[in-house]
Amino acid sequence: MFNLNNPKIIDNLQNQFLKKNLPKIKIGDNIRVGVKIIEGNKERVQFYEGTVIAKKNSSINTAITVRKVLQGIGVERIFLVHSPKVDSIKVLRSSKIRRSKLYYLRNLKGKASRLKQQF
């Protein structure tokens, strides 16, 4: 019988499902996330492009919050990075930021919500 309270067993199980080929994602990055979508009996990849405003790290449960403005309305979506639904993640550009969470972008509009690019 397995003792599931043993952290080594849980870590070994989780390491099997971790994705190895992920880019280094930082807060303030503009990224393009490819999400697998099933329509009827077909499967396709739909891309979601926006700014990373929050990141939560805990091995297999690593999650990022991506925000984009669509027709004047802010849309946020939370992605589990290691989920099988996430097909690909590509960093388009990085920004120079000084905070770990960019929730203040929710209150800004237009040019005020731009972040300085980091080269």
N, C-alpha and C. Protein backbone atom coordinates (compact mmCIF):
# COMPACT_ATOMS: atom_id res chain seq x y z
N MET A 1 0.85 -1.18 0.00
CA MET A 1 0.00 0.00 0.00
C MET A 1 0.89 1.25 0.00
N PHE A 2 0.49 2.26 -0.77
CA PHE A 2 1.24 3.50 -0.86
C PHE A 2 0.84 4.45 0.25
N ASN A 3 1.83 5.17 0.74
CA ASN A 3 1.56 6.23 1.70
C ASN A 3 1.55 7.55 0.93
N LEU A 4 0.39 8.09 0.64
CA LEU A 4 0.29 9.29 -0.19
C LEU A 4 0.70 10.56 0.55
N ASN A 5 0.98 10.45 1.84
CA ASN A 5 1.46 11.61 2.58
C ASN A 5 2.95 11.84 2.37
N ASN A 6 3.61 10.91 1.71
CA ASN A 6 5.03 11.03 1.45
C ASN A 6 5.23 12.00 0.27
N PRO A 7 5.92 13.14 0.48
CA PRO A 7 6.07 14.12 -0.59
C PRO A 7 6.91 13.63 -1.77
N LYS A 8 7.79 12.66 -1.56
CA LYS A 8 8.62 12.17 -2.67
C LYS A 8 7.77 11.45 -3.70
N ILE A 9 6.79 10.69 -3.27
CA ILE A 9 5.93 9.97 -4.20
C ILE A 9 5.12 10.95 -5.03
N ILE A 10 4.60 11.99 -4.38
CA ILE A 10 3.79 12.99 -5.09
C ILE A 10 4.66 13.76 -6.08
N ASP A 11 5.89 14.14 -5.67
CA ASP A 11 6.78 14.86 -6.57
C ASP A 11 7.14 14.02 -7.79
N ASN A 12 7.43 12.75 -7.59
CA ASN A 12 7.77 11.88 -8.71
C ASN A 12 6.60 11.75 -9.68
N LEU A 13 5.40 11.66 -9.15
CA LEU A 13 4.21 11.55 -9.99
C LEU A 13 3.99 12.84 -10.78
N GLN A 14 4.16 13.99 -10.12
CA GLN A 14 3.96 15.27 -10.80
C GLN A 14 5.02 15.54 -11.85
N ASN A 15 6.26 15.12 -11.62
CA ASN A 15 7.35 15.38 -12.56
C ASN A 15 7.12 14.71 -13.91
N GLN A 16 6.33 13.66 -13.95
CA GLN A 16 6.03 13.01 -15.22
C GLN A 16 5.21 13.91 -16.14
N PHE A 17 4.41 14.80 -15.56
CA PHE A 17 3.49 15.61 -16.34
C PHE A 17 3.98 17.04 -16.56
N LEU A 18 5.14 17.41 -16.03
CA LEU A 18 5.67 18.75 -16.23
C LEU A 18 6.16 18.90 -17.66
N LYS A 19 5.88 20.05 -18.28
CA LYS A 19 6.37 20.32 -19.63
C LYS A 19 7.81 20.83 -19.53
N LYS A 20 8.65 20.33 -20.41
CA LYS A 20 10.08 20.67 -20.35
C LYS A 20 10.45 21.84 -21.26
N ASN A 21 9.67 22.06 -22.33
CA ASN A 21 10.08 23.02 -23.36
C ASN A 21 9.38 24.38 -23.24
N LEU A 22 9.13 24.83 -22.02
CA LEU A 22 8.44 26.11 -21.82
C LEU A 22 9.44 27.26 -21.82
N PRO A 23 9.05 28.42 -22.38
CA PRO A 23 9.93 29.58 -22.31
C PRO A 23 9.90 30.19 -20.91
N LYS A 24 10.84 31.06 -20.63
CA LYS A 24 10.89 31.77 -19.36
C LYS A 24 9.83 32.87 -19.40
N ILE A 25 8.77 32.71 -18.62
CA ILE A 25 7.66 33.66 -18.62
C ILE A 25 7.80 34.57 -17.41
N LYS A 26 7.78 35.89 -17.66
CA LYS A 26 7.88 36.86 -16.59
C LYS A 26 6.63 37.74 -16.60
N ILE A 27 6.40 38.41 -15.49
CA ILE A 27 5.29 39.35 -15.41
C ILE A 27 5.57 40.50 -16.38
N GLY A 28 4.55 40.95 -17.09
CA GLY A 28 4.71 42.05 -18.03
C GLY A 28 5.03 41.60 -19.44
N ASP A 29 5.24 40.31 -19.67
CA ASP A 29 5.52 39.81 -21.01
C ASP A 29 4.25 39.81 -21.85
N ASN A 30 4.39 40.13 -23.12
CA ASN A 30 3.30 39.90 -24.07
C ASN A 30 3.51 38.50 -24.61
N ILE A 31 2.52 37.64 -24.46
CA ILE A 31 2.68 36.26 -24.88
C ILE A 31 1.52 35.83 -25.78
N ARG A 32 1.77 34.76 -26.53
CA ARG A 32 0.73 34.14 -27.34
C ARG A 32 0.60 32.70 -26.87
N VAL A 33 -0.58 32.37 -26.35
CA VAL A 33 -0.84 31.04 -25.82
C VAL A 33 -1.73 30.30 -26.82
N GLY A 34 -1.28 29.13 -27.25
CA GLY A 34 -2.08 28.29 -28.12
C GLY A 34 -2.89 27.32 -27.28
N VAL A 35 -4.22 27.41 -27.37
CA VAL A 35 -5.10 26.59 -26.55
C VAL A 35 -5.83 25.60 -27.46
N LYS A 36 -5.82 24.33 -27.07
CA LYS A 36 -6.53 23.32 -27.85
C LYS A 36 -8.03 23.44 -27.57
N ILE A 37 -8.80 23.49 -28.66
CA ILE A 37 -10.25 23.61 -28.55
C ILE A 37 -10.87 22.48 -29.36
N ILE A 38 -11.86 21.82 -28.77
CA ILE A 38 -12.56 20.73 -29.45
C ILE A 38 -13.92 21.25 -29.91
N GLU A 39 -14.14 21.21 -31.23
CA GLU A 39 -15.42 21.62 -31.81
C GLU A 39 -16.01 20.41 -32.51
N GLY A 40 -17.04 19.86 -31.94
CA GLY A 40 -17.63 18.65 -32.50
C GLY A 40 -16.64 17.50 -32.36
N ASN A 41 -16.19 16.96 -33.48
CA ASN A 41 -15.18 15.89 -33.42
C ASN A 41 -13.83 16.37 -33.93
N LYS A 42 -13.69 17.68 -34.15
CA LYS A 42 -12.42 18.23 -34.61
C LYS A 42 -11.71 18.93 -33.47
N GLU A 43 -10.40 18.92 -33.51
CA GLU A 43 -9.60 19.63 -32.52
C GLU A 43 -8.72 20.63 -33.25
N ARG A 44 -8.70 21.88 -32.75
CA ARG A 44 -7.86 22.90 -33.36
C ARG A 44 -7.21 23.73 -32.27
N VAL A 45 -6.24 24.55 -32.68
CA VAL A 45 -5.53 25.40 -31.73
C VAL A 45 -5.97 26.84 -31.95
N GLN A 46 -6.43 27.47 -30.88
CA GLN A 46 -6.82 28.88 -30.93
C GLN A 46 -5.82 29.67 -30.10
N PHE A 47 -5.34 30.79 -30.64
CA PHE A 47 -4.32 31.58 -29.95
C PHE A 47 -4.97 32.70 -29.16
N TYR A 48 -4.41 32.93 -27.97
CA TYR A 48 -4.86 33.98 -27.07
C TYR A 48 -3.64 34.83 -26.78
N GLU A 49 -3.69 36.10 -27.16
CA GLU A 49 -2.53 36.97 -27.05
C GLU A 49 -2.81 38.10 -26.07
N GLY A 50 -1.89 38.31 -25.13
CA GLY A 50 -2.09 39.37 -24.15
C GLY A 50 -0.89 39.53 -23.24
N THR A 51 -1.07 40.31 -22.20
CA THR A 51 -0.02 40.63 -21.24
C THR A 51 -0.18 39.79 -19.98
N VAL A 52 0.92 39.25 -19.49
CA VAL A 52 0.91 38.48 -18.24
C VAL A 52 0.85 39.49 -17.09
N ILE A 53 -0.25 39.45 -16.30
CA ILE A 53 -0.37 40.39 -15.20
C ILE A 53 -0.15 39.71 -13.85
N ALA A 54 -0.16 38.38 -13.82
CA ALA A 54 0.06 37.67 -12.56
C ALA A 54 0.59 36.28 -12.86
N LYS A 55 1.35 35.75 -11.91
CA LYS A 55 1.89 34.41 -12.05
C LYS A 55 1.90 33.76 -10.67
N LYS A 56 1.48 32.51 -10.63
CA LYS A 56 1.47 31.75 -9.39
C LYS A 56 2.29 30.49 -9.62
N ASN A 57 3.32 30.28 -8.83
CA ASN A 57 4.22 29.16 -9.03
C ASN A 57 4.02 28.11 -7.94
N SER A 58 3.76 26.89 -8.36
CA SER A 58 3.82 25.75 -7.44
C SER A 58 3.87 24.48 -8.29
N SER A 59 5.02 24.20 -8.83
CA SER A 59 5.35 23.05 -9.67
C SER A 59 4.28 22.81 -10.74
N ILE A 60 3.49 21.77 -10.61
CA ILE A 60 2.55 21.42 -11.67
C ILE A 60 1.36 22.37 -11.72
N ASN A 61 1.09 23.10 -10.65
CA ASN A 61 -0.04 24.02 -10.60
C ASN A 61 0.33 25.44 -10.99
N THR A 62 1.44 25.64 -11.68
CA THR A 62 1.86 26.97 -12.10
C THR A 62 0.80 27.57 -13.02
N ALA A 63 0.34 28.77 -12.67
CA ALA A 63 -0.71 29.42 -13.44
C ALA A 63 -0.30 30.85 -13.78
N ILE A 64 -0.73 31.32 -14.95
CA ILE A 64 -0.50 32.70 -15.36
C ILE A 64 -1.84 33.32 -15.70
N THR A 65 -1.97 34.61 -15.39
CA THR A 65 -3.16 35.37 -15.74
C THR A 65 -2.79 36.27 -16.90
N VAL A 66 -3.50 36.13 -18.02
CA VAL A 66 -3.20 36.89 -19.23
C VAL A 66 -4.37 37.83 -19.49
N ARG A 67 -4.04 39.10 -19.74
CA ARG A 67 -5.06 40.13 -19.96
C ARG A 67 -4.91 40.72 -21.35
N LYS A 68 -6.03 40.88 -22.03
CA LYS A 68 -6.04 41.60 -23.29
C LYS A 68 -7.30 42.46 -23.34
N VAL A 69 -7.26 43.50 -24.17
CA VAL A 69 -8.41 44.37 -24.34
C VAL A 69 -9.04 44.04 -25.68
N LEU A 70 -10.30 43.64 -25.64
CA LEU A 70 -11.01 43.21 -26.84
C LEU A 70 -12.23 44.10 -27.03
N GLN A 71 -12.23 44.91 -28.08
CA GLN A 71 -13.32 45.84 -28.39
C GLN A 71 -13.64 46.75 -27.20
N GLY A 72 -12.59 47.25 -26.55
CA GLY A 72 -12.75 48.19 -25.45
C GLY A 72 -13.06 47.55 -24.12
N ILE A 73 -13.14 46.23 -24.05
CA ILE A 73 -13.44 45.53 -22.80
C ILE A 73 -12.24 44.67 -22.43
N GLY A 74 -11.80 44.79 -21.18
CA GLY A 74 -10.67 43.99 -20.70
C GLY A 74 -11.10 42.56 -20.44
N VAL A 75 -10.34 41.61 -20.98
CA VAL A 75 -10.64 40.19 -20.81
C VAL A 75 -9.42 39.53 -20.18
N GLU A 76 -9.64 38.84 -19.06
CA GLU A 76 -8.55 38.12 -18.41
C GLU A 76 -8.83 36.64 -18.42
N ARG A 77 -7.77 35.86 -18.58
CA ARG A 77 -7.93 34.42 -18.61
C ARG A 77 -6.77 33.80 -17.85
N ILE A 78 -7.06 32.80 -17.06
CA ILE A 78 -6.04 32.12 -16.27
C ILE A 78 -5.71 30.79 -16.95
N PHE A 79 -4.42 30.55 -17.19
CA PHE A 79 -3.97 29.33 -17.83
C PHE A 79 -3.10 28.54 -16.87
N LEU A 80 -3.36 27.25 -16.76
CA LEU A 80 -2.42 26.35 -16.09
C LEU A 80 -1.35 26.01 -17.12
N VAL A 81 -0.11 26.37 -16.82
CA VAL A 81 0.97 26.29 -17.79
C VAL A 81 1.23 24.84 -18.23
N HIS A 82 1.13 23.90 -17.31
CA HIS A 82 1.44 22.50 -17.61
C HIS A 82 0.22 21.69 -18.04
N SER A 83 -0.89 22.37 -18.30
CA SER A 83 -2.11 21.68 -18.70
C SER A 83 -1.98 21.09 -20.10
N PRO A 84 -2.59 19.94 -20.34
CA PRO A 84 -2.58 19.39 -21.70
C PRO A 84 -3.39 20.23 -22.69
N LYS A 85 -4.28 21.09 -22.21
CA LYS A 85 -5.04 21.98 -23.09
C LYS A 85 -4.17 23.10 -23.68
N VAL A 86 -3.08 23.45 -23.00
CA VAL A 86 -2.18 24.49 -23.49
C VAL A 86 -1.20 23.83 -24.45
N ASP A 87 -1.29 24.23 -25.72
CA ASP A 87 -0.47 23.62 -26.76
C ASP A 87 0.91 24.26 -26.82
N SER A 88 0.95 25.59 -26.83
CA SER A 88 2.23 26.29 -26.95
C SER A 88 2.14 27.65 -26.27
N ILE A 89 3.31 28.13 -25.85
CA ILE A 89 3.42 29.47 -25.28
C ILE A 89 4.62 30.13 -25.93
N LYS A 90 4.40 31.32 -26.48
CA LYS A 90 5.49 32.05 -27.13
C LYS A 90 5.56 33.45 -26.56
N VAL A 91 6.75 33.88 -26.12
CA VAL A 91 6.94 35.23 -25.60
C VAL A 91 7.19 36.15 -26.78
N LEU A 92 6.32 37.15 -26.96
CA LEU A 92 6.45 38.08 -28.08
C LEU A 92 7.34 39.27 -27.73
N ARG A 93 7.16 39.81 -26.52
CA ARG A 93 8.02 40.91 -26.08
C ARG A 93 7.99 41.01 -24.57
N SER A 94 9.06 41.52 -23.99
CA SER A 94 9.16 41.68 -22.55
C SER A 94 9.06 43.16 -22.19
N SER A 95 8.57 43.41 -20.99
CA SER A 95 8.42 44.79 -20.52
C SER A 95 9.18 44.97 -19.22
N LYS A 96 9.60 46.20 -19.00
CA LYS A 96 10.31 46.56 -17.77
C LYS A 96 9.27 46.91 -16.71
N ILE A 97 9.20 46.12 -15.66
CA ILE A 97 8.21 46.35 -14.62
C ILE A 97 8.88 46.27 -13.26
N ARG A 98 8.20 46.78 -12.23
CA ARG A 98 8.77 46.80 -10.89
C ARG A 98 7.84 46.18 -9.86
N ARG A 99 6.82 45.47 -10.32
CA ARG A 99 5.86 44.84 -9.41
C ARG A 99 5.67 43.38 -9.78
N SER A 100 5.18 42.61 -8.82
CA SER A 100 4.96 41.20 -9.09
C SER A 100 3.56 40.92 -9.61
N LYS A 101 2.62 41.84 -9.39
CA LYS A 101 1.27 41.71 -9.91
C LYS A 101 0.87 43.04 -10.55
N LEU A 102 0.36 42.99 -11.77
CA LEU A 102 0.04 44.21 -12.50
C LEU A 102 -1.47 44.47 -12.53
N TYR A 103 -2.12 44.30 -11.38
CA TYR A 103 -3.56 44.49 -11.32
C TYR A 103 -3.97 45.93 -11.58
N TYR A 104 -3.04 46.88 -11.43
CA TYR A 104 -3.37 48.28 -11.66
C TYR A 104 -3.69 48.55 -13.13
N LEU A 105 -3.31 47.64 -14.04
CA LEU A 105 -3.63 47.83 -15.45
C LEU A 105 -5.13 47.73 -15.72
N ARG A 106 -5.87 47.14 -14.79
CA ARG A 106 -7.31 47.02 -14.95
C ARG A 106 -7.99 48.39 -14.96
N ASN A 107 -7.38 49.36 -14.28
CA ASN A 107 -7.99 50.69 -14.17
C ASN A 107 -7.50 51.66 -15.23
N LEU A 108 -6.55 51.26 -16.07
CA LEU A 108 -5.99 52.15 -17.07
C LEU A 108 -6.57 51.84 -18.44
N LYS A 109 -6.63 52.86 -19.31
CA LYS A 109 -7.17 52.69 -20.65
C LYS A 109 -6.21 53.29 -21.67
N GLY A 110 -6.26 52.78 -22.87
CA GLY A 110 -5.53 53.36 -23.99
C GLY A 110 -4.03 53.37 -23.80
N LYS A 111 -3.42 54.52 -24.13
CA LYS A 111 -1.97 54.61 -24.07
C LYS A 111 -1.43 54.53 -22.65
N ALA A 112 -2.25 54.87 -21.66
CA ALA A 112 -1.80 54.82 -20.27
C ALA A 112 -1.49 53.40 -19.82
N SER A 113 -2.09 52.41 -20.48
CA SER A 113 -1.89 51.03 -20.06
C SER A 113 -0.68 50.37 -20.73
N ARG A 114 0.09 51.13 -21.52
CA ARG A 114 1.26 50.55 -22.17
C ARG A 114 2.39 50.38 -21.16
N LEU A 115 3.21 49.36 -21.39
CA LEU A 115 4.37 49.11 -20.54
C LEU A 115 5.63 49.39 -21.35
N LYS A 116 6.69 49.86 -20.68
CA LYS A 116 7.95 50.14 -21.37
C LYS A 116 8.60 48.83 -21.78
N GLN A 117 9.05 48.79 -23.01
CA GLN A 117 9.65 47.56 -23.55
C GLN A 117 11.05 47.38 -23.00
N GLN A 118 11.38 46.12 -22.71
CA GLN A 118 12.72 45.78 -22.23
C GLN A 118 13.45 45.05 -23.35
N PHE A 119 14.65 45.52 -23.70
CA PHE A 119 15.39 44.92 -24.80
C PHE A 119 16.43 43.95 -24.32
